[in-house]
Amino acid sequence: MGLNLLDILKRFFQDVHRTQRESLVALTCVELRELENIFALLLLGSFAGFSAPPTFLSLELLPYMERELRIMNRQAENSGDMLAELMGTLGID
C-alpha cells in the first residue's frame, strides 16, 4: 500500500501547520510574560528608579498584582549582579 504523492504532501503540510501553531503559542506565552513584567515595572517602577505613577492608581491595582509581585521577587532572587560579573571578568577587584 504505497502512499501517493498527494497524501505525502498533505501530511507534510499538516505537520508544518501544526509546528507553526505550536511555535506561535509558545511565542505568545513568552510575550505575555514579558508584558506582565513591564506592567509590574511600570506600576512599581519607583523600586527600580523609574518615575512612579500616581499612588492611588498603584494602591488600587496592588491586590490584583500578587502574581506579578511573586514573579518580580523570584527574578530578583535568581538574577545575578551583572556589574560584579563584568568586573570579575575584567579582573577589577
PDB file of N, CA and C in Angstrom:
ATOM      1  N   MET A   1       0.817  -1.175   0.000  1.00  0.00           N
ATOM      2  CA  MET A   1       0.000   0.000   0.000  1.00  0.00           C
ATOM      3  C   MET A   1       0.867   1.248   0.000  1.00  0.00           C
ATOM      4  N   GLY A   2       1.265   1.633  -1.129  1.00  0.00           N
ATOM      5  CA  GLY A   2       2.110   2.800  -1.239  1.00  0.00           C
ATOM      6  C   GLY A   2       1.309   4.085  -1.133  1.00  0.00           C
ATOM      7  N   LEU A   3       1.914   5.076  -0.563  1.00  0.00           N
ATOM      8  CA  LEU A   3       1.277   6.379  -0.462  1.00  0.00           C
ATOM      9  C   LEU A   3       1.579   7.160  -1.735  1.00  0.00           C
ATOM     10  N   ASN A   4       0.579   7.804  -2.241  1.00  0.00           N
ATOM     11  CA  ASN A   4       0.836   8.608  -3.431  1.00  0.00           C
ATOM     12  C   ASN A   4       1.379   9.979  -3.023  1.00  0.00           C
ATOM     13  N   LEU A   5       1.824  10.705  -3.972  1.00  0.00           N
ATOM     14  CA  LEU A   5       2.467  11.996  -3.742  1.00  0.00           C
ATOM     15  C   LEU A   5       1.522  12.981  -3.060  1.00  0.00           C
ATOM     16  N   LEU A   6       0.258  12.928  -3.423  1.00  0.00           N
ATOM     17  CA  LEU A   6      -0.714  13.853  -2.834  1.00  0.00           C
ATOM     18  C   LEU A   6      -0.869  13.618  -1.326  1.00  0.00           C
ATOM     19  N   ASP A   7      -0.917  12.370  -0.904  1.00  0.00           N
ATOM     20  CA  ASP A   7      -1.025  12.061   0.524  1.00  0.00           C
ATOM     21  C   ASP A   7       0.226  12.487   1.285  1.00  0.00           C
ATOM     22  N   ILE A   8       1.378  12.286   0.688  1.00  0.00           N
ATOM     23  CA  ILE A   8       2.643  12.683   1.329  1.00  0.00           C
ATOM     24  C   ILE A   8       2.698  14.184   1.505  1.00  0.00           C
ATOM     25  N   LEU A   9       2.331  14.924   0.464  1.00  0.00           N
ATOM     26  CA  LEU A   9       2.342  16.391   0.551  1.00  0.00           C
ATOM     27  C   LEU A   9       1.313  16.890   1.567  1.00  0.00           C
ATOM     28  N   LYS A  10       0.149  16.254   1.584  1.00  0.00           N
ATOM     29  CA  LYS A  10      -0.881  16.656   2.539  1.00  0.00           C
ATOM     30  C   LYS A  10      -0.395  16.456   3.970  1.00  0.00           C
ATOM     31  N   ARG A  11       0.199  15.315   4.260  1.00  0.00           N
ATOM     32  CA  ARG A  11       0.722  15.049   5.596  1.00  0.00           C
ATOM     33  C   ARG A  11       1.857  16.016   5.949  1.00  0.00           C
ATOM     34  N   PHE A  12       2.724  16.302   4.975  1.00  0.00           N
ATOM     35  CA  PHE A  12       3.829  17.230   5.209  1.00  0.00           C
ATOM     36  C   PHE A  12       3.305  18.613   5.597  1.00  0.00           C
ATOM     37  N   PHE A  13       2.329  19.123   4.841  1.00  0.00           N
ATOM     38  CA  PHE A  13       1.821  20.458   5.126  1.00  0.00           C
ATOM     39  C   PHE A  13       1.003  20.498   6.422  1.00  0.00           C
ATOM     40  N   GLN A  14       0.364  19.390   6.782  1.00  0.00           N
ATOM     41  CA  GLN A  14      -0.312  19.329   8.077  1.00  0.00           C
ATOM     42  C   GLN A  14       0.697  19.407   9.218  1.00  0.00           C
ATOM     43  N   ASP A  15       1.821  18.725   9.067  1.00  0.00           N
ATOM     44  CA  ASP A  15       2.867  18.777  10.096  1.00  0.00           C
ATOM     45  C   ASP A  15       3.470  20.172  10.194  1.00  0.00           C
ATOM     46  N   VAL A  16       3.702  20.817   9.059  1.00  0.00           N
ATOM     47  CA  VAL A  16       4.242  22.181   9.075  1.00  0.00           C
ATOM     48  C   VAL A  16       3.248  23.118   9.752  1.00  0.00           C
ATOM     49  N   HIS A  17       1.983  22.964   9.436  1.00  0.00           N
ATOM     50  CA  HIS A  17       0.944  23.816  10.034  1.00  0.00           C
ATOM     51  C   HIS A  17       0.895  23.613  11.555  1.00  0.00           C
ATOM     52  N   ARG A  18       0.937  22.376  12.011  1.00  0.00           N
ATOM     53  CA  ARG A  18       0.913  22.085  13.444  1.00  0.00           C
ATOM     54  C   ARG A  18       2.137  22.673  14.144  1.00  0.00           C
ATOM     55  N   THR A  19       3.289  22.538  13.516  1.00  0.00           N
ATOM     56  CA  THR A  19       4.517  23.078  14.105  1.00  0.00           C
ATOM     57  C   THR A  19       4.450  24.596  14.217  1.00  0.00           C
ATOM     58  N   GLN A  20       3.939  25.247  13.190  1.00  0.00           N
ATOM     59  CA  GLN A  20       3.824  26.707  13.218  1.00  0.00           C
ATOM     60  C   GLN A  20       2.853  27.160  14.305  1.00  0.00           C
ATOM     61  N   ARG A  21       1.750  26.444  14.475  1.00  0.00           N
ATOM     62  CA  ARG A  21       0.804  26.802  15.537  1.00  0.00           C
ATOM     63  C   ARG A  21       1.428  26.665  16.913  1.00  0.00           C
ATOM     64  N   GLU A  22       2.154  25.573  17.142  1.00  0.00           N
ATOM     65  CA  GLU A  22       2.795  25.368  18.442  1.00  0.00           C
ATOM     66  C   GLU A  22       3.843  26.435  18.711  1.00  0.00           C
ATOM     67  N   SER A  23       4.578  26.806  17.679  1.00  0.00           N
ATOM     68  CA  SER A  23       5.585  27.855  17.832  1.00  0.00           C
ATOM     69  C   SER A  23       4.926  29.190  18.141  1.00  0.00           C
ATOM     70  N   LEU A  24       3.832  29.474  17.483  1.00  0.00           N
ATOM     71  CA  LEU A  24       3.118  30.725  17.725  1.00  0.00           C
ATOM     72  C   LEU A  24       2.568  30.795  19.141  1.00  0.00           C
ATOM     73  N   VAL A  25       2.041  29.701  19.635  1.00  0.00           N
ATOM     74  CA  VAL A  25       1.515  29.673  21.008  1.00  0.00           C
ATOM     75  C   VAL A  25       2.645  29.893  22.010  1.00  0.00           C
ATOM     76  N   ALA A  26       3.793  29.255  21.780  1.00  0.00           N
ATOM     77  CA  ALA A  26       4.930  29.414  22.690  1.00  0.00           C
ATOM     78  C   ALA A  26       5.413  30.867  22.697  1.00  0.00           C
ATOM     79  N   LEU A  27       5.501  31.477  21.530  1.00  0.00           N
ATOM     80  CA  LEU A  27       5.939  32.874  21.461  1.00  0.00           C
ATOM     81  C   LEU A  27       4.927  33.811  22.112  1.00  0.00           C
ATOM     82  N   THR A  28       3.657  33.504  21.971  1.00  0.00           N
ATOM     83  CA  THR A  28       2.624  34.326  22.596  1.00  0.00           C
ATOM     84  C   THR A  28       2.713  34.244  24.114  1.00  0.00           C
ATOM     85  N   CYS A  29       2.989  33.066  24.640  1.00  0.00           N
ATOM     86  CA  CYS A  29       3.149  32.914  26.102  1.00  0.00           C
ATOM     87  C   CYS A  29       4.348  33.701  26.609  1.00  0.00           C
ATOM     88  N   VAL A  30       5.446  33.670  25.871  1.00  0.00           N
ATOM     89  CA  VAL A  30       6.635  34.441  26.259  1.00  0.00           C
ATOM     90  C   VAL A  30       6.326  35.934  26.224  1.00  0.00           C
ATOM     91  N   GLU A  31       5.625  36.387  25.190  1.00  0.00           N
ATOM     92  CA  GLU A  31       5.287  37.796  25.090  1.00  0.00           C
ATOM     93  C   GLU A  31       4.353  38.213  26.216  1.00  0.00           C
ATOM     94  N   LEU A  32       3.415  37.354  26.585  1.00  0.00           N
ATOM     95  CA  LEU A  32       2.515  37.657  27.692  1.00  0.00           C
ATOM     96  C   LEU A  32       3.280  37.830  28.997  1.00  0.00           C
ATOM     97  N   ARG A  33       4.238  36.944  29.267  1.00  0.00           N
ATOM     98  CA  ARG A  33       5.041  37.072  30.490  1.00  0.00           C
ATOM     99  C   ARG A  33       5.830  38.374  30.484  1.00  0.00           C
ATOM    100  N   GLU A  34       6.399  38.733  29.345  1.00  0.00           N
ATOM    101  CA  GLU A  34       7.172  39.973  29.279  1.00  0.00           C
ATOM    102  C   GLU A  34       6.279  41.200  29.456  1.00  0.00           C
ATOM    103  N   LEU A  35       5.090  41.169  28.885  1.00  0.00           N
ATOM    104  CA  LEU A  35       4.174  42.293  29.069  1.00  0.00           C
ATOM    105  C   LEU A  35       3.716  42.409  30.520  1.00  0.00           C
ATOM    106  N   GLU A  36       3.536  41.276  31.192  1.00  0.00           N
ATOM    107  CA  GLU A  36       3.198  41.326  32.621  1.00  0.00           C
ATOM    108  C   GLU A  36       4.344  41.920  33.424  1.00  0.00           C
ATOM    109  N   ASN A  37       5.571  41.565  33.069  1.00  0.00           N
ATOM    110  CA  ASN A  37       6.730  42.135  33.765  1.00  0.00           C
ATOM    111  C   ASN A  37       6.817  43.634  33.529  1.00  0.00           C
ATOM    112  N   ILE A  38       6.570  44.066  32.312  1.00  0.00           N
ATOM    113  CA  ILE A  38       6.620  45.501  32.008  1.00  0.00           C
ATOM    114  C   ILE A  38       5.524  46.239  32.768  1.00  0.00           C
ATOM    115  N   PHE A  39       4.337  45.644  32.832  1.00  0.00           N
ATOM    116  CA  PHE A  39       3.234  46.264  33.567  1.00  0.00           C
ATOM    117  C   PHE A  39       3.589  46.432  35.037  1.00  0.00           C
ATOM    118  N   ALA A  40       4.144  45.386  35.622  1.00  0.00           N
ATOM    119  CA  ALA A  40       4.530  45.468  37.032  1.00  0.00           C
ATOM    120  C   ALA A  40       5.628  46.501  37.228  1.00  0.00           C
ATOM    121  N   LEU A  41       6.553  46.563  36.297  1.00  0.00           N
ATOM    122  CA  LEU A  41       7.641  47.535  36.416  1.00  0.00           C
ATOM    123  C   LEU A  41       7.121  48.963  36.269  1.00  0.00           C
ATOM    124  N   LEU A  42       6.125  49.156  35.421  1.00  0.00           N
ATOM    125  CA  LEU A  42       5.539  50.492  35.291  1.00  0.00           C
ATOM    126  C   LEU A  42       4.837  50.918  36.568  1.00  0.00           C
ATOM    127  N   LEU A  43       4.123  49.982  37.191  1.00  0.00           N
ATOM    128  CA  LEU A  43       3.408  50.342  38.412  1.00  0.00           C
ATOM    129  C   LEU A  43       4.333  50.470  39.613  1.00  0.00           C
ATOM    130  N   LEU A  44       5.341  49.630  39.670  1.00  0.00           N
ATOM    131  CA  LEU A  44       6.241  49.632  40.822  1.00  0.00           C
ATOM    132  C   LEU A  44       7.629  50.102  40.410  1.00  0.00           C
ATOM    133  N   GLY A  45       7.687  50.980  39.452  1.00  0.00           N
ATOM    134  CA  GLY A  45       8.960  51.447  38.922  1.00  0.00           C
ATOM    135  C   GLY A  45       9.786  52.250  39.898  1.00  0.00           C
ATOM    136  N   SER A  46       9.165  52.768  40.934  1.00  0.00           N
ATOM    137  CA  SER A  46       9.922  53.554  41.905  1.00  0.00           C
ATOM    138  C   SER A  46      10.967  52.699  42.606  1.00  0.00           C
ATOM    139  N   PHE A  47      10.743  51.382  42.678  1.00  0.00           N
ATOM    140  CA  PHE A  47      11.731  50.489  43.282  1.00  0.00           C
ATOM    141  C   PHE A  47      12.978  50.365  42.418  1.00  0.00           C
ATOM    142  N   ALA A  48      12.813  50.590  41.111  1.00  0.00           N
ATOM    143  CA  ALA A  48      13.939  50.469  40.186  1.00  0.00           C
ATOM    144  C   ALA A  48      14.465  51.831  39.752  1.00  0.00           C
ATOM    145  N   GLY A  49      13.908  52.895  40.283  1.00  0.00           N
ATOM    146  CA  GLY A  49      14.394  54.229  39.963  1.00  0.00           C
ATOM    147  C   GLY A  49      13.649  54.907  38.833  1.00  0.00           C
ATOM    148  N   PHE A  50      12.552  54.321  38.371  1.00  0.00           N
ATOM    149  CA  PHE A  50      11.740  54.959  37.340  1.00  0.00           C
ATOM    150  C   PHE A  50      10.716  55.861  38.003  1.00  0.00           C
ATOM    151  N   SER A  51      10.187  56.786  37.223  1.00  0.00           N
ATOM    152  CA  SER A  51       9.153  57.640  37.800  1.00  0.00           C
ATOM    153  C   SER A  51       7.916  56.793  38.064  1.00  0.00           C
ATOM    154  N   ALA A  52       7.278  57.048  39.167  1.00  0.00           N
ATOM    155  CA  ALA A  52       6.151  56.236  39.609  1.00  0.00           C
ATOM    156  C   ALA A  52       4.838  56.846  39.136  1.00  0.00           C
ATOM    157  N   PRO A  53       3.848  56.003  38.890  1.00  0.00           N
ATOM    158  CA  PRO A  53       2.512  56.529  38.565  1.00  0.00           C
ATOM    159  C   PRO A  53       1.873  57.090  39.831  1.00  0.00           C
ATOM    160  N   PRO A  54       0.723  57.702  39.708  1.00  0.00           N
ATOM    161  CA  PRO A  54       0.051  58.212  40.908  1.00  0.00           C
ATOM    162  C   PRO A  54      -0.159  57.102  41.932  1.00  0.00           C
ATOM    163  N   THR A  55       0.019  57.450  43.182  1.00  0.00           N
ATOM    164  CA  THR A  55      -0.040  56.467  44.255  1.00  0.00           C
ATOM    165  C   THR A  55      -1.396  55.790  44.348  1.00  0.00           C
ATOM    166  N   PHE A  56      -2.469  56.546  44.167  1.00  0.00           N
ATOM    167  CA  PHE A  56      -3.797  55.947  44.282  1.00  0.00           C
ATOM    168  C   PHE A  56      -4.003  54.862  43.224  1.00  0.00           C
ATOM    169  N   LEU A  57      -3.414  55.043  42.043  1.00  0.00           N
ATOM    170  CA  LEU A  57      -3.545  54.040  40.989  1.00  0.00           C
ATOM    171  C   LEU A  57      -2.790  52.760  41.359  1.00  0.00           C
ATOM    172  N   SER A  58      -1.587  52.935  41.865  1.00  0.00           N
ATOM    173  CA  SER A  58      -0.795  51.764  42.283  1.00  0.00           C
ATOM    174  C   SER A  58      -1.480  51.019  43.417  1.00  0.00           C
ATOM    175  N   LEU A  59      -2.039  51.750  44.369  1.00  0.00           N
ATOM    176  CA  LEU A  59      -2.703  51.107  45.507  1.00  0.00           C
ATOM    177  C   LEU A  59      -3.975  50.384  45.091  1.00  0.00           C
ATOM    178  N   GLU A  60      -4.690  50.932  44.113  1.00  0.00           N
ATOM    179  CA  GLU A  60      -5.901  50.264  43.651  1.00  0.00           C
ATOM    180  C   GLU A  60      -5.575  48.977  42.897  1.00  0.00           C
ATOM    181  N   LEU A  61      -4.473  48.953  42.181  1.00  0.00           N
ATOM    182  CA  LEU A  61      -4.109  47.775  41.390  1.00  0.00           C
ATOM    183  C   LEU A  61      -3.285  46.759  42.168  1.00  0.00           C
ATOM    184  N   LEU A  62      -2.797  47.132  43.322  1.00  0.00           N
ATOM    185  CA  LEU A  62      -1.932  46.248  44.108  1.00  0.00           C
ATOM    186  C   LEU A  62      -2.556  44.889  44.434  1.00  0.00           C
ATOM    187  N   PRO A  63      -3.828  44.809  44.836  1.00  0.00           N
ATOM    188  CA  PRO A  63      -4.388  43.482  45.133  1.00  0.00           C
ATOM    189  C   PRO A  63      -4.410  42.543  43.924  1.00  0.00           C
ATOM    190  N   TYR A  64      -4.469  43.101  42.728  1.00  0.00           N
ATOM    191  CA  TYR A  64      -4.514  42.282  41.518  1.00  0.00           C
ATOM    192  C   TYR A  64      -3.129  41.885  41.022  1.00  0.00           C
ATOM    193  N   MET A  65      -2.099  42.376  41.676  1.00  0.00           N
ATOM    194  CA  MET A  65      -0.732  42.167  41.198  1.00  0.00           C
ATOM    195  C   MET A  65       0.043  41.160  42.035  1.00  0.00           C
ATOM    196  N   GLU A  66      -0.629  40.315  42.758  1.00  0.00           N
ATOM    197  CA  GLU A  66       0.073  39.359  43.605  1.00  0.00           C
ATOM    198  C   GLU A  66       0.988  38.460  42.780  1.00  0.00           C
ATOM    199  N   ARG A  67       0.480  37.963  41.669  1.00  0.00           N
ATOM    200  CA  ARG A  67       1.292  37.075  40.817  1.00  0.00           C
ATOM    201  C   ARG A  67       2.514  37.808  40.275  1.00  0.00           C
ATOM    202  N   GLU A  68       2.319  39.038  39.801  1.00  0.00           N
ATOM    203  CA  GLU A  68       3.431  39.804  39.249  1.00  0.00           C
ATOM    204  C   GLU A  68       4.485  40.102  40.310  1.00  0.00           C
ATOM    205  N   LEU A  69       4.030  40.382  41.530  1.00  0.00           N
ATOM    206  CA  LEU A  69       4.984  40.639  42.611  1.00  0.00           C
ATOM    207  C   LEU A  69       5.799  39.391  42.934  1.00  0.00           C
ATOM    208  N   ARG A  70       5.149  38.242  42.901  1.00  0.00           N
ATOM    209  CA  ARG A  70       5.884  36.992  43.132  1.00  0.00           C
ATOM    210  C   ARG A  70       6.912  36.756  42.024  1.00  0.00           C
ATOM    211  N   ILE A  71       6.513  37.023  40.790  1.00  0.00           N
ATOM    212  CA  ILE A  71       7.430  36.853  39.663  1.00  0.00           C
ATOM    213  C   ILE A  71       8.610  37.805  39.787  1.00  0.00           C
ATOM    214  N   MET A  72       8.340  39.066  40.110  1.00  0.00           N
ATOM    215  CA  MET A  72       9.427  40.037  40.248  1.00  0.00           C
ATOM    216  C   MET A  72      10.365  39.642  41.379  1.00  0.00           C
ATOM    217  N   ASN A  73       9.812  39.142  42.481  1.00  0.00           N
ATOM    218  CA  ASN A  73      10.633  38.719  43.606  1.00  0.00           C
ATOM    219  C   ASN A  73      11.505  37.535  43.210  1.00  0.00           C
ATOM    220  N   ARG A  74      10.934  36.567  42.498  1.00  0.00           N
ATOM    221  CA  ARG A  74      11.695  35.403  42.064  1.00  0.00           C
ATOM    222  C   ARG A  74      12.810  35.809  41.087  1.00  0.00           C
ATOM    223  N   GLN A  75      12.511  36.727  40.182  1.00  0.00           N
ATOM    224  CA  GLN A  75      13.527  37.171  39.235  1.00  0.00           C
ATOM    225  C   GLN A  75      14.638  37.936  39.942  1.00  0.00           C
ATOM    226  N   ALA A  76      14.276  38.712  40.958  1.00  0.00           N
ATOM    227  CA  ALA A  76      15.297  39.437  41.704  1.00  0.00           C
ATOM    228  C   ALA A  76      16.197  38.482  42.477  1.00  0.00           C
ATOM    229  N   GLU A  77      15.614  37.406  42.994  1.00  0.00           N
ATOM    230  CA  GLU A  77      16.414  36.426  43.730  1.00  0.00           C
ATOM    231  C   GLU A  77      17.327  35.636  42.799  1.00  0.00           C
ATOM    232  N   ASN A  78      16.838  35.324  41.603  1.00  0.00           N
ATOM    233  CA  ASN A  78      17.595  34.483  40.686  1.00  0.00           C
ATOM    234  C   ASN A  78      18.592  35.252  39.826  1.00  0.00           C
ATOM    235  N   SER A  79      18.417  36.551  39.732  1.00  0.00           N
ATOM    236  CA  SER A  79      19.311  37.313  38.859  1.00  0.00           C
ATOM    237  C   SER A  79      20.637  37.562  39.568  1.00  0.00           C
ATOM    238  N   GLY A  80      21.676  37.533  38.786  1.00  0.00           N
ATOM    239  CA  GLY A  80      22.997  37.805  39.332  1.00  0.00           C
ATOM    240  C   GLY A  80      23.326  39.284  39.209  1.00  0.00           C
ATOM    241  N   ASP A  81      24.380  39.677  39.855  1.00  0.00           N
ATOM    242  CA  ASP A  81      24.838  41.048  39.768  1.00  0.00           C
ATOM    243  C   ASP A  81      25.693  41.170  38.508  1.00  0.00           C
ATOM    244  N   MET A  82      25.122  41.740  37.468  1.00  0.00           N
ATOM    245  CA  MET A  82      25.813  41.814  36.171  1.00  0.00           C
ATOM    246  C   MET A  82      27.067  42.675  36.256  1.00  0.00           C
ATOM    247  N   LEU A  83      27.025  43.747  37.034  1.00  0.00           N
ATOM    248  CA  LEU A  83      28.200  44.604  37.166  1.00  0.00           C
ATOM    249  C   LEU A  83      29.336  43.850  37.849  1.00  0.00           C
ATOM    250  N   ALA A  84      29.005  43.064  38.861  1.00  0.00           N
ATOM    251  CA  ALA A  84      30.031  42.275  39.544  1.00  0.00           C
ATOM    252  C   ALA A  84      30.610  41.220  38.613  1.00  0.00           C
ATOM    253  N   GLU A  85      29.784  40.612  37.791  1.00  0.00           N
ATOM    254  CA  GLU A  85      30.278  39.639  36.826  1.00  0.00           C
ATOM    255  C   GLU A  85      31.223  40.286  35.814  1.00  0.00           C
ATOM    256  N   LEU A  86      30.848  41.477  35.352  1.00  0.00           N
ATOM    257  CA  LEU A  86      31.682  42.196  34.390  1.00  0.00           C
ATOM    258  C   LEU A  86      33.015  42.576  35.012  1.00  0.00           C
ATOM    259  N   MET A  87      32.988  43.078  36.236  1.00  0.00           N
ATOM    260  CA  MET A  87      34.226  43.458  36.903  1.00  0.00           C
ATOM    261  C   MET A  87      35.092  42.230  37.169  1.00  0.00           C
ATOM    262  N   GLY A  88      34.474  41.108  37.521  1.00  0.00           N
ATOM    263  CA  GLY A  88      35.225  39.868  37.734  1.00  0.00           C
ATOM    264  C   GLY A  88      35.868  39.384  36.446  1.00  0.00           C
ATOM    265  N   THR A  89      35.158  39.538  35.335  1.00  0.00           N
ATOM    266  CA  THR A  89      35.707  39.134  34.043  1.00  0.00           C
ATOM    267  C   THR A  89      36.892  40.003  33.654  1.00  0.00           C
ATOM    268  N   LEU A  90      36.798  41.284  33.958  1.00  0.00           N
ATOM    269  CA  LEU A  90      37.886  42.210  33.626  1.00  0.00           C
ATOM    270  C   LEU A  90      39.019  42.156  34.628  1.00  0.00           C
ATOM    271  N   GLY A  91      38.815  41.477  35.752  1.00  0.00           N
ATOM    272  CA  GLY A  91      39.861  41.350  36.750  1.00  0.00           C
ATOM    273  C   GLY A  91      39.983  42.567  37.656  1.00  0.00           C
ATOM    274  N   ILE A  92      38.927  43.325  37.776  1.00  0.00           N
ATOM    275  CA  ILE A  92      38.924  44.507  38.654  1.00  0.00           C
ATOM    276  C   ILE A  92      38.353  44.091  40.005  1.00  0.00           C
ATOM    277  N   ASP A  93      39.116  44.329  41.076  1.00  0.00           N
ATOM    278  CA  ASP A  93      38.626  43.945  42.410  1.00  0.00           C
ATOM    279  C   ASP A  93      37.992  45.078  43.102  1.00  0.00           C
TER     280      ASP A  93
END
